[in-house]
């Protein structure tokens, strides 16, 4: 049989089953998508297929031959290659240098044969319709171009089966469309694509078949043409989930956040902010769209006093907070959902209880005479954590013992349920969460908006920005390209702005 068959695949991590008796058939020359919530077993299954992990039990056959995959080198012998979500490139090297790493052609047995390397790369690019300049420095290239390098690396090693792990997670809409065109072209050439993604509309557009995993078990495989997003969500979660729609209509109030001509210094790793200006009103969500690394982090740091503003000013509720300390700004009524809950939102070795009041220890409910009162904590926090549906073995358990979704709920409970605020800054608030947890975060953000708070939403998920935002500001290299009312926003226009292209086709 042509294709890959995985039969009875089970993976046991010290008594915890990540996969249990999974059967899946990947037909030759097709695009096969694998979807599921976080923890469903998608990555574990693909790591087994790519040779990174051995299965506890089970069998794999490739083109009818039983395959024993003890490492990526074994997988390569069976023409299996994996393109990881986080690229493995050296930014200070050129395209051709990155592509040949680990399989360098040699001249006279000891020096790298550059001309042979470039010739091979050029021919492979021509064969598969990949547009890349071998001499360009990788650090100067867009995310989409860097991804094409990763795909080229796999194709250069004669892979017939390509595993793409969340390949569109950091791409603009136009780059996503180009990737899908490349995938269709590879399929026409007989390649088999295994496509891991959580973007269901994208999956239904590109795949021939879709396999759904839930909690390490295979729920089923369905033809993409017969699928709907509702059906797939039901298979993934076991219930209906509503993530689509438009932002809730709320009457806007006073300006809570005023940012005027803010600039920050350029550094080796950042273009800084360049004359950023906007107002954010009570009862409004302003979404900041853009590919990661285009000034979103600098904006949050500037507002929170964590980086120096070289010119311009930031006002909160009419008060100039430029130059104030981060703690002063936060205590003026700013709730924050940080981008990385592990390194910025929680202290993993501390208890759930202490994490739930971190930064709010001076609250009179908890503090007396400069000391935390356990009785005050226990009078309040169990109820708050229950309200935010934090599922925990014990309030004294380490927060590291919780799932990602429950860790994020601890942060929401602290920032929304404990901290007194009128401004919410949410940075990629659903990153790494499953569909059910995403729905929960959306609901809580809308509650903050309905309560008359101003919400600044920074997200690399364009569907999230479109779903939640009343207005959308698009960032590119530290500049605000435009601010668009939601009813005038469309994916094509926003995607062009994310690439630095103004209306009319002019590139910044």
Protein backbone atom coordinates (compact mmCIF):
# COMPACT_ATOMS: atom_id res chain seq x y z
CA UNK A 1 0.00 0.00 0.00
CA UNK A 2 1.27 3.49 -0.90
CA UNK A 3 1.24 5.81 2.08
CA UNK A 4 1.79 5.62 5.82
CA UNK A 5 -0.18 3.49 8.25
CA UNK A 6 0.14 3.95 12.00
CA UNK A 7 -1.56 1.14 13.92
CA UNK A 8 -2.22 0.86 17.65
CA UNK A 9 0.08 3.77 18.51
CA UNK A 10 0.30 4.26 22.28
CA UNK A 11 2.69 6.57 24.12
CA UNK A 12 3.04 6.31 27.89
CA UNK A 13 4.97 9.03 29.73
CA UNK A 14 5.66 7.58 33.18
CA UNK A 15 2.13 6.26 33.60
CA UNK A 16 0.38 9.10 31.79
CA UNK A 17 -1.04 8.14 28.39
CA UNK A 18 -0.41 10.85 25.79
CA UNK A 19 -1.71 8.55 23.02
CA UNK A 20 -3.85 5.47 23.35
CA UNK A 21 -4.31 2.92 20.57
CA UNK A 22 -4.36 5.43 17.69
CA UNK A 23 -4.91 4.14 14.16
CA UNK A 24 -4.36 6.52 11.24
CA UNK A 25 -3.80 6.10 7.50
CA UNK A 26 -2.07 8.84 5.50
CA UNK A 27 -2.73 8.26 1.80
CA UNK A 28 0.04 8.94 -0.70
CA UNK A 29 -0.28 12.21 -2.60
CA UNK A 30 -2.86 13.81 -0.30
CA UNK A 31 -3.04 16.57 2.28
CA UNK A 32 -4.05 15.05 5.62
CA UNK A 33 -4.85 17.44 8.48
CA UNK A 34 -4.64 16.51 12.15
CA UNK A 35 -6.59 18.67 14.57
CA UNK A 36 -7.38 18.62 18.26
CA UNK A 37 -7.16 20.67 21.43
CA UNK A 38 -3.92 21.22 23.30
CA UNK A 39 -2.95 17.96 24.94
CA UNK A 40 -4.91 15.92 22.40
CA UNK A 41 -1.71 14.18 21.26
CA UNK A 42 -1.11 15.82 17.85
CA UNK A 43 2.51 16.77 18.46
CA UNK A 44 3.27 13.48 20.21
CA UNK A 45 1.90 11.52 17.24
CA UNK A 46 3.94 13.57 14.75
CA UNK A 47 7.08 13.35 16.89
CA UNK A 48 6.69 9.57 16.75
CA UNK A 49 6.28 9.67 12.97
CA UNK A 50 9.32 11.95 12.57
CA UNK A 51 11.46 9.65 14.73
CA UNK A 52 11.88 12.12 17.60
CA UNK A 53 9.93 9.92 20.04
CA UNK A 54 9.59 6.12 20.11
CA UNK A 55 6.07 4.74 20.59
CA UNK A 56 5.43 2.63 23.67
CA UNK A 57 3.49 0.20 21.50
CA UNK A 58 2.25 0.19 17.94
CA UNK A 59 3.46 -0.27 14.38
CA UNK A 60 4.27 2.05 11.49
CA UNK A 61 4.43 1.04 7.83
CA UNK A 62 5.67 3.28 5.03
CA UNK A 63 4.69 2.28 1.49
CA UNK A 64 3.93 -1.22 2.73
CA UNK A 65 7.25 -1.66 4.55
CA UNK A 66 7.41 -1.90 8.34
CA UNK A 67 9.38 1.10 9.61
CA UNK A 68 11.39 1.30 12.82
CA UNK A 69 12.04 4.99 13.51
CA UNK A 70 14.71 5.40 16.18
CA UNK A 71 15.52 8.99 15.23
CA UNK A 72 15.06 11.67 12.55
CA UNK A 73 17.79 10.00 10.48
CA UNK A 74 15.69 6.83 10.28
CA UNK A 75 12.64 8.91 9.32
CA UNK A 76 14.69 10.57 6.57
CA UNK A 77 15.51 7.11 5.15
CA UNK A 78 11.77 6.60 4.73
CA UNK A 79 11.48 10.06 3.09
CA UNK A 80 9.75 11.64 6.11
CA UNK A 81 10.64 15.22 7.05
CA UNK A 82 9.17 17.64 9.57
CA UNK A 83 8.92 21.43 9.45
CA UNK A 84 8.55 22.64 13.03
CA UNK A 85 6.46 25.58 14.17
CA UNK A 86 9.54 27.25 15.66
CA UNK A 87 12.07 27.57 12.87
CA UNK A 88 15.55 26.12 13.28
CA UNK A 89 17.49 28.74 11.36
CA UNK A 90 20.64 30.75 12.04
CA UNK A 91 19.77 34.40 11.28
CA UNK A 92 23.41 35.44 10.77
CA UNK A 93 23.86 32.92 7.95
CA UNK A 94 22.62 33.07 4.35
CA UNK A 95 19.87 30.92 2.85
CA UNK A 96 22.28 28.46 1.25
CA UNK A 97 24.34 28.12 4.44
CA UNK A 98 21.21 27.32 6.48
CA UNK A 99 19.90 24.81 3.95
CA UNK A 100 23.07 22.70 3.83
CA UNK A 101 23.70 22.63 7.60
CA UNK A 102 24.31 19.01 8.56
CA UNK A 103 24.71 17.81 4.97
CA UNK A 104 27.39 20.08 3.55
CA UNK A 105 28.78 19.22 0.08
CA UNK A 106 32.56 19.13 0.33
CA UNK A 107 35.28 20.07 -2.12
CA UNK A 108 38.61 18.24 -1.88
CA UNK A 109 37.16 16.39 1.10
CA UNK A 110 37.39 19.20 3.65
CA UNK A 111 36.05 22.58 2.38
CA UNK A 112 32.41 23.42 1.70
CA UNK A 113 31.60 23.44 -2.01
CA UNK A 114 29.54 26.64 -2.22
CA UNK A 115 28.89 26.50 -5.98
CA UNK A 116 27.55 22.94 -5.76
CA UNK A 117 25.36 23.87 -2.78
CA UNK A 118 23.86 26.89 -4.54
CA UNK A 119 23.36 24.91 -7.75
CA UNK A 120 21.44 22.19 -5.90
CA UNK A 121 19.34 24.74 -4.03
CA UNK A 122 18.54 26.67 -7.22
CA UNK A 123 17.46 23.51 -9.04
CA UNK A 124 15.26 22.42 -6.09
CA UNK A 125 13.65 25.87 -5.94
CA UNK A 126 12.93 25.72 -9.67
CA UNK A 127 11.49 22.21 -9.39
CA UNK A 128 9.07 23.10 -6.60
CA UNK A 129 8.35 26.71 -7.52
CA UNK A 130 9.96 28.17 -4.39
CA UNK A 131 11.12 31.77 -4.74
CA UNK A 132 14.30 32.26 -2.66
CA UNK A 133 17.63 34.00 -3.19
CA UNK A 134 20.35 31.63 -1.84
CA UNK A 135 22.67 34.57 -1.05
CA UNK A 136 20.24 36.51 1.17
CA UNK A 137 20.85 36.78 4.90
CA UNK A 138 18.14 34.88 6.78
CA UNK A 139 17.89 37.54 9.49
CA UNK A 140 16.74 40.08 6.86
CA UNK A 141 13.90 37.88 5.57
CA UNK A 142 10.21 37.83 6.41
CA UNK A 143 8.68 35.05 8.49
CA UNK A 144 7.01 33.63 5.37
CA UNK A 145 10.33 33.52 3.52
CA UNK A 146 12.01 31.83 6.49
CA UNK A 147 9.31 29.18 6.48
CA UNK A 148 9.98 28.50 2.81
CA UNK A 149 13.62 27.88 3.76
CA UNK A 150 12.50 25.25 6.29
CA UNK A 151 10.36 23.54 3.63
CA UNK A 152 13.26 23.73 1.18
CA UNK A 153 15.56 22.05 3.73
CA UNK A 154 13.17 19.10 3.92
CA UNK A 155 12.74 18.88 0.14
CA UNK A 156 16.52 18.99 -0.36
CA UNK A 157 16.67 15.76 1.62
CA UNK A 158 14.23 14.11 -0.83
CA UNK A 159 11.28 13.97 1.56
CA UNK A 160 8.09 12.48 0.11
CA UNK A 161 6.14 12.96 3.36
CA UNK A 162 6.21 16.48 4.80
CA UNK A 163 4.89 17.15 8.32
CA UNK A 164 3.97 20.82 8.82
CA UNK A 165 3.43 21.74 12.49
CA UNK A 166 1.13 24.80 12.84
CA UNK A 167 2.64 26.23 9.64
CA UNK A 168 0.50 29.38 9.48
CA UNK A 169 0.75 30.42 13.14
CA UNK A 170 3.00 33.42 12.44
CA UNK A 171 2.09 34.24 8.83
CA UNK A 172 0.13 37.15 7.39
CA UNK A 173 -3.03 36.24 5.41
CA UNK A 174 -1.15 36.74 2.13
CA UNK A 175 1.73 34.54 3.28
CA UNK A 176 -0.79 31.91 4.39
CA UNK A 177 -2.39 31.98 0.95
CA UNK A 178 1.01 31.58 -0.69
CA UNK A 179 1.85 28.65 1.59
CA UNK A 180 -1.44 26.96 0.67
CA UNK A 181 -0.62 27.44 -3.02
CA UNK A 182 2.79 25.84 -2.42
CA UNK A 183 1.16 22.91 -0.62
CA UNK A 184 -1.25 22.36 -3.51
CA UNK A 185 1.69 22.43 -5.94
CA UNK A 186 3.61 19.88 -3.84
CA UNK A 187 0.54 17.65 -3.75
CA UNK A 188 0.31 17.75 -7.57
CA UNK A 189 3.92 16.54 -7.67
CA UNK A 190 2.96 13.52 -5.59
CA UNK A 191 4.13 14.73 -2.19
CA UNK A 192 2.11 13.85 0.91
CA UNK A 193 1.49 16.67 3.39
CA UNK A 194 0.56 16.10 7.03
CA UNK A 195 -0.86 19.42 8.20
CA UNK A 196 -1.22 20.16 11.94
CA UNK A 197 -3.31 23.23 12.68
CA UNK A 198 -5.96 24.65 14.99
CA UNK A 199 -7.39 26.95 12.28
CA UNK A 200 -10.36 24.95 11.10
CA UNK A 201 -11.40 27.06 8.12
CA UNK A 202 -7.85 26.78 6.80
CA UNK A 203 -7.82 23.02 7.38
CA UNK A 204 -11.08 22.49 5.51
CA UNK A 205 -9.75 24.55 2.60
CA UNK A 206 -6.41 22.77 2.15
CA UNK A 207 -6.95 19.16 3.34
CA UNK A 208 -8.34 16.08 1.66
CA UNK A 209 -8.99 14.31 4.96
CA UNK A 210 -9.08 15.49 8.57
CA UNK A 211 -8.29 13.36 11.61
CA UNK A 212 -9.51 14.54 15.02
CA UNK A 213 -7.74 13.59 18.24
CA UNK A 214 -9.13 14.16 21.73
CA UNK A 215 -7.29 13.39 24.97
CA UNK A 216 -4.89 11.03 23.21
CA UNK A 217 -7.56 9.05 21.40
CA UNK A 218 -8.57 9.14 17.76
CA UNK A 219 -12.16 10.35 17.44
CA UNK A 220 -12.37 9.84 13.69
CA UNK A 221 -11.24 10.76 10.19
CA UNK A 222 -13.60 12.66 7.90
CA UNK A 223 -13.35 13.93 4.31
CA UNK A 224 -12.74 17.68 4.33
CA UNK A 225 -15.50 18.23 1.77
CA UNK A 226 -18.03 16.77 4.20
CA UNK A 227 -16.81 18.75 7.20
CA UNK A 228 -18.00 21.91 8.88
CA UNK A 229 -16.22 23.85 11.59
CA UNK A 230 -19.14 23.09 13.93
CA UNK A 231 -18.80 19.35 13.35
CA UNK A 232 -15.03 19.43 13.86
CA UNK A 233 -15.33 21.46 17.07
CA UNK A 234 -17.92 19.00 18.37
CA UNK A 235 -15.52 16.13 17.66
CA UNK A 236 -12.58 17.98 19.26
CA UNK A 237 -14.32 19.21 22.39
CA UNK A 238 -17.39 17.01 22.76
CA UNK A 239 -19.74 20.03 22.85
CA UNK A 240 -20.70 23.09 20.83
CA UNK A 241 -18.36 26.10 21.15
CA UNK A 242 -19.04 29.57 19.77
CA UNK A 243 -15.93 31.52 18.76
CA UNK A 244 -17.25 33.31 15.68
CA UNK A 245 -19.14 36.56 15.51
CA UNK A 246 -18.61 40.28 15.91
CA UNK A 247 -17.60 42.39 18.90
CA UNK A 248 -20.35 43.16 21.38
CA UNK A 249 -21.87 46.62 20.87
CA UNK A 250 -21.39 48.80 23.97
CA UNK A 251 -21.86 52.56 24.30
CA UNK A 252 -18.43 54.12 24.58
CA UNK A 253 -17.44 56.40 27.45
CA UNK A 254 -14.54 58.69 28.32
CA UNK A 255 -11.02 58.29 26.94
CA UNK A 256 -9.16 55.98 29.32
CA UNK A 257 -5.87 55.67 27.42
CA UNK A 258 -4.34 58.47 25.34
CA UNK A 259 -1.12 57.72 23.45
CA UNK A 260 0.37 60.73 21.66
CA UNK A 261 3.31 60.60 19.23
CA UNK A 262 5.14 58.00 21.32
CA UNK A 263 8.63 57.07 20.20
CA UNK A 264 11.13 54.68 21.77
CA UNK A 265 14.79 54.14 20.99
CA UNK A 266 15.81 51.76 18.25
CA UNK A 267 18.03 48.89 19.33
CA UNK A 268 19.89 46.04 17.68
CA UNK A 269 16.83 43.84 18.13
CA UNK A 270 14.00 46.38 17.74
CA UNK A 271 12.98 49.16 15.37
CA UNK A 272 11.37 50.92 18.35
CA UNK A 273 8.09 52.83 18.22
CA UNK A 274 7.73 55.62 15.71
CA UNK A 275 5.15 58.32 16.50
CA UNK A 276 2.38 56.06 17.77
CA UNK A 277 -0.88 57.86 18.53
CA UNK A 278 -4.36 56.61 19.45
CA UNK A 279 -7.18 57.02 21.98
CA UNK A 280 -8.96 54.14 23.71
CA UNK A 281 -12.34 54.74 25.28
CA UNK A 282 -14.26 53.05 28.06
CA UNK A 283 -16.41 50.22 26.70
CA UNK A 284 -14.16 49.72 23.67
CA UNK A 285 -11.72 47.06 22.48
CA UNK A 286 -8.86 48.34 20.35
CA UNK A 287 -7.07 45.46 18.64
CA UNK A 288 -3.40 45.71 17.67
CA UNK A 289 -2.72 43.48 14.66
CA UNK A 290 0.67 42.59 13.22
CA UNK A 291 3.21 39.84 12.84
CA UNK A 292 5.16 39.26 16.05
CA UNK A 293 8.08 41.64 16.47
CA UNK A 294 6.64 44.74 14.83
CA UNK A 295 6.36 46.94 17.89
CA UNK A 296 3.64 45.27 19.94
CA UNK A 297 5.95 44.42 22.83
CA UNK A 298 7.49 47.89 22.75
CA UNK A 299 4.02 49.46 22.93
CA UNK A 300 3.04 47.50 26.03
CA UNK A 301 6.39 48.21 27.68
CA UNK A 302 6.04 51.93 26.93
CA UNK A 303 2.51 52.12 28.37
CA UNK A 304 3.54 50.22 31.50
CA UNK A 305 6.69 52.24 32.10
CA UNK A 306 9.00 49.31 31.42
CA UNK A 307 10.89 51.09 28.64
CA UNK A 308 11.86 54.74 28.27
CA UNK A 309 9.71 56.92 26.03
CA UNK A 310 12.13 59.16 24.09
CA UNK A 311 9.37 61.50 22.91
CA UNK A 312 5.60 61.76 23.15
CA UNK A 313 3.41 60.96 26.12
CA UNK A 314 0.94 58.45 27.58
CA UNK A 315 -2.07 59.57 29.60
CA UNK A 316 -4.47 57.43 31.60
CA UNK A 317 -7.84 58.97 32.45
CA UNK A 318 -6.37 62.40 31.76
CA UNK A 319 -3.30 61.93 33.97
CA UNK A 320 0.16 61.88 32.36
CA UNK A 321 1.80 58.59 33.36
CA UNK A 322 4.90 59.04 31.18
CA UNK A 323 8.00 58.37 33.25
CA UNK A 324 6.13 56.81 36.17
CA UNK A 325 7.21 53.43 37.51
CA UNK A 326 5.56 50.24 36.39
CA UNK A 327 4.09 49.63 39.84
CA UNK A 328 2.62 53.16 39.96
CA UNK A 329 1.03 52.67 36.55
CA UNK A 330 -0.38 49.25 37.44
CA UNK A 331 -1.75 50.58 40.72
CA UNK A 332 -3.53 53.37 38.84
CA UNK A 333 -5.94 50.72 37.59
CA UNK A 334 -4.30 48.64 34.87
CA UNK A 335 -5.03 44.91 34.54
CA UNK A 336 -2.54 42.91 32.48
CA UNK A 337 -2.69 39.54 30.78
CA UNK A 338 0.98 39.06 29.82
CA UNK A 339 2.07 37.21 26.66
CA UNK A 340 3.93 34.47 28.54
CA UNK A 341 2.04 33.22 31.57
CA UNK A 342 4.98 31.12 32.77
CA UNK A 343 7.73 33.73 32.81
CA UNK A 344 5.67 36.91 33.20
CA UNK A 345 2.31 36.02 34.72
CA UNK A 346 3.01 33.37 37.34
CA UNK A 347 5.65 32.07 39.73
CA UNK A 348 5.39 28.39 38.93
CA UNK A 349 6.96 27.10 42.15
CA UNK A 350 4.49 29.09 44.29
CA UNK A 351 0.98 28.02 45.28
CA UNK A 352 -2.18 28.80 43.36
CA UNK A 353 -3.28 30.96 46.30
CA UNK A 354 -0.16 33.15 46.29
CA UNK A 355 -0.21 33.49 42.50
CA UNK A 356 -3.85 34.59 42.62
CA UNK A 357 -2.97 37.69 44.71
CA UNK A 358 0.50 38.41 43.33
CA UNK A 359 0.89 42.16 42.88
CA UNK A 360 -2.28 42.78 44.90
CA UNK A 361 -0.83 41.97 48.32
CA UNK A 362 -1.46 45.52 49.60
CA UNK A 363 -5.23 45.09 49.13
CA UNK A 364 -6.92 45.83 52.48
CA UNK A 365 -8.82 42.55 52.25
CA UNK A 366 -5.56 40.64 52.50
CA UNK A 367 -3.13 42.92 54.29
CA UNK A 368 -2.99 44.37 57.79
CA UNK A 369 -0.03 46.24 59.24
CA UNK A 370 2.05 45.40 56.19
CA UNK A 371 1.51 41.66 56.62
CA UNK A 372 -0.57 39.24 54.58
CA UNK A 373 -3.47 37.79 56.56
CA UNK A 374 -4.18 34.20 55.64
CA UNK A 375 -7.71 34.51 56.95
CA UNK A 376 -8.32 37.46 54.61
CA UNK A 377 -6.92 35.45 51.69
CA UNK A 378 -9.08 32.42 52.48
CA UNK A 379 -12.19 34.56 52.98
CA UNK A 380 -11.92 35.86 49.41
CA UNK A 381 -9.78 33.82 47.04
CA UNK A 382 -11.50 30.39 47.03
CA UNK A 383 -14.71 32.12 45.91
CA UNK A 384 -12.93 34.17 43.23
CA UNK A 385 -11.07 31.14 41.88
CA UNK A 386 -14.31 29.17 41.80
CA UNK A 387 -16.01 32.01 39.92
CA UNK A 388 -13.27 31.80 37.29
CA UNK A 389 -13.63 28.02 37.08
CA UNK A 390 -10.05 27.23 38.12
CA UNK A 391 -9.94 23.44 38.36
CA UNK A 392 -7.32 22.59 40.94
CA UNK A 393 -6.41 19.74 43.27
CA UNK A 394 -6.01 22.24 46.14
CA UNK A 395 -5.63 25.99 46.54
CA UNK A 396 -2.23 25.23 48.14
CA UNK A 397 -1.05 23.16 45.15
CA UNK A 398 1.75 24.61 43.02
CA UNK A 399 0.40 26.54 40.07
CA UNK A 400 2.78 24.48 37.88
CA UNK A 401 0.51 21.47 38.47
CA UNK A 402 -2.33 23.11 36.53
CA UNK A 403 -3.03 22.84 32.81
CA UNK A 404 -2.28 25.85 30.63
CA UNK A 405 -5.94 26.80 30.50
CA UNK A 406 -6.30 26.72 34.27
CA UNK A 407 -3.07 28.68 34.72
CA UNK A 408 -4.52 31.37 32.48
CA UNK A 409 -7.72 31.35 34.54
CA UNK A 410 -5.64 32.06 37.68
CA UNK A 411 -4.27 35.17 35.93
CA UNK A 412 -7.78 36.23 34.86
CA UNK A 413 -9.07 35.71 38.40
CA UNK A 414 -6.29 37.91 39.79
CA UNK A 415 -6.46 40.67 37.17
CA UNK A 416 -10.25 40.80 36.79
CA UNK A 417 -11.55 39.38 40.05
CA UNK A 418 -9.08 40.96 42.52
CA UNK A 419 -7.41 43.98 40.92
CA UNK A 420 -9.45 47.21 40.66
CA UNK A 421 -8.95 48.47 37.11
CA UNK A 422 -10.50 50.48 34.29
CA UNK A 423 -7.91 49.54 31.64
CA UNK A 424 -7.19 46.00 30.51
CA UNK A 425 -4.10 45.17 28.44
CA UNK A 426 -4.39 41.65 27.02
CA UNK A 427 -1.37 40.33 25.09
CA UNK A 428 -2.01 37.12 23.12
CA UNK A 429 -4.48 36.08 25.85
CA UNK A 430 -5.40 32.76 24.18
CA UNK A 431 -1.92 31.68 23.02
CA UNK A 432 -1.45 27.97 23.67
CA UNK A 433 -5.03 27.46 24.84
CA UNK A 434 -7.56 24.96 23.54
CA UNK A 435 -10.93 25.87 22.06
CA UNK A 436 -12.87 25.61 25.31
CA UNK A 437 -10.40 27.84 27.17
CA UNK A 438 -10.39 30.35 24.29
CA UNK A 439 -14.17 30.64 24.55
CA UNK A 440 -13.82 31.27 28.31
CA UNK A 441 -11.22 34.04 27.78
CA UNK A 442 -13.40 35.75 25.14
CA UNK A 443 -16.36 35.72 27.52
CA UNK A 444 -14.34 37.27 30.35
CA UNK A 445 -12.87 39.98 28.11
CA UNK A 446 -16.36 40.88 26.92
CA UNK A 447 -17.51 41.10 30.55
CA UNK A 448 -14.73 43.65 31.18
CA UNK A 449 -15.84 45.64 28.15
CA UNK A 450 -19.50 45.47 29.25
CA UNK A 451 -18.45 46.78 32.67
CA UNK A 452 -17.18 49.94 30.98
CA UNK A 453 -13.50 49.13 30.94
CA UNK A 454 -11.17 49.95 28.04
CA UNK A 455 -9.48 46.90 26.53
CA UNK A 456 -6.23 46.99 24.54
CA UNK A 457 -5.98 43.62 22.78
CA UNK A 458 -2.64 42.69 21.22
CA UNK A 459 -2.81 39.43 19.29
CA UNK A 460 -1.05 37.72 16.41
CA UNK A 461 -4.26 35.75 15.75
CA UNK A 462 -6.06 37.85 13.16
CA UNK A 463 -9.32 35.92 13.63
CA UNK A 464 -9.19 36.86 17.32
CA UNK A 465 -8.61 40.53 16.51
CA UNK A 466 -11.54 40.52 14.06
CA UNK A 467 -13.81 38.74 16.55
CA UNK A 468 -13.15 40.96 19.56
CA UNK A 469 -12.15 44.44 18.35
CA UNK A 470 -14.25 47.54 17.74
CA UNK A 471 -11.31 49.15 15.94
CA UNK A 472 -8.11 47.59 14.60
CA UNK A 473 -4.68 49.26 14.57
CA UNK A 474 -2.16 47.55 12.29
CA UNK A 475 1.54 47.68 13.25
CA UNK A 476 4.52 47.25 10.93
CA UNK A 477 8.13 47.86 12.01
CA UNK A 478 7.15 50.04 14.94
CA UNK A 479 4.69 52.18 12.98
CA UNK A 480 0.91 52.28 13.11
CA UNK A 481 -0.06 51.82 9.47
CA UNK A 482 -3.74 52.60 10.01
CA UNK A 483 -6.61 52.32 12.49
CA UNK A 484 -9.70 50.74 10.92
CA UNK A 485 -13.25 50.50 12.31
CA UNK A 486 -14.29 46.85 12.53
CA UNK A 487 -17.16 47.26 10.07
CA UNK A 488 -14.66 48.50 7.47
CA UNK A 489 -12.01 45.86 8.12
CA UNK A 490 -11.30 42.94 5.83
CA UNK A 491 -8.59 40.31 5.89
CA UNK A 492 -6.95 41.39 2.61
CA UNK A 493 -6.59 45.03 3.64
CA UNK A 494 -5.26 44.18 7.09
CA UNK A 495 -2.89 41.59 5.68
CA UNK A 496 -1.43 44.14 3.25
CA UNK A 497 -0.91 46.64 6.07
CA UNK A 498 0.78 43.93 8.15
CA UNK A 499 3.29 43.61 5.30
CA UNK A 500 3.86 47.38 5.17
CA UNK A 501 1.78 47.93 2.03
CA UNK A 502 -0.49 50.96 2.03
CA UNK A 503 -3.70 51.23 0.04
CA UNK A 504 -2.72 51.61 -3.60
CA UNK A 505 0.15 49.13 -3.33
CA UNK A 506 2.83 51.46 -1.99
CA UNK A 507 5.23 49.68 0.35
CA UNK A 508 6.56 51.47 3.41
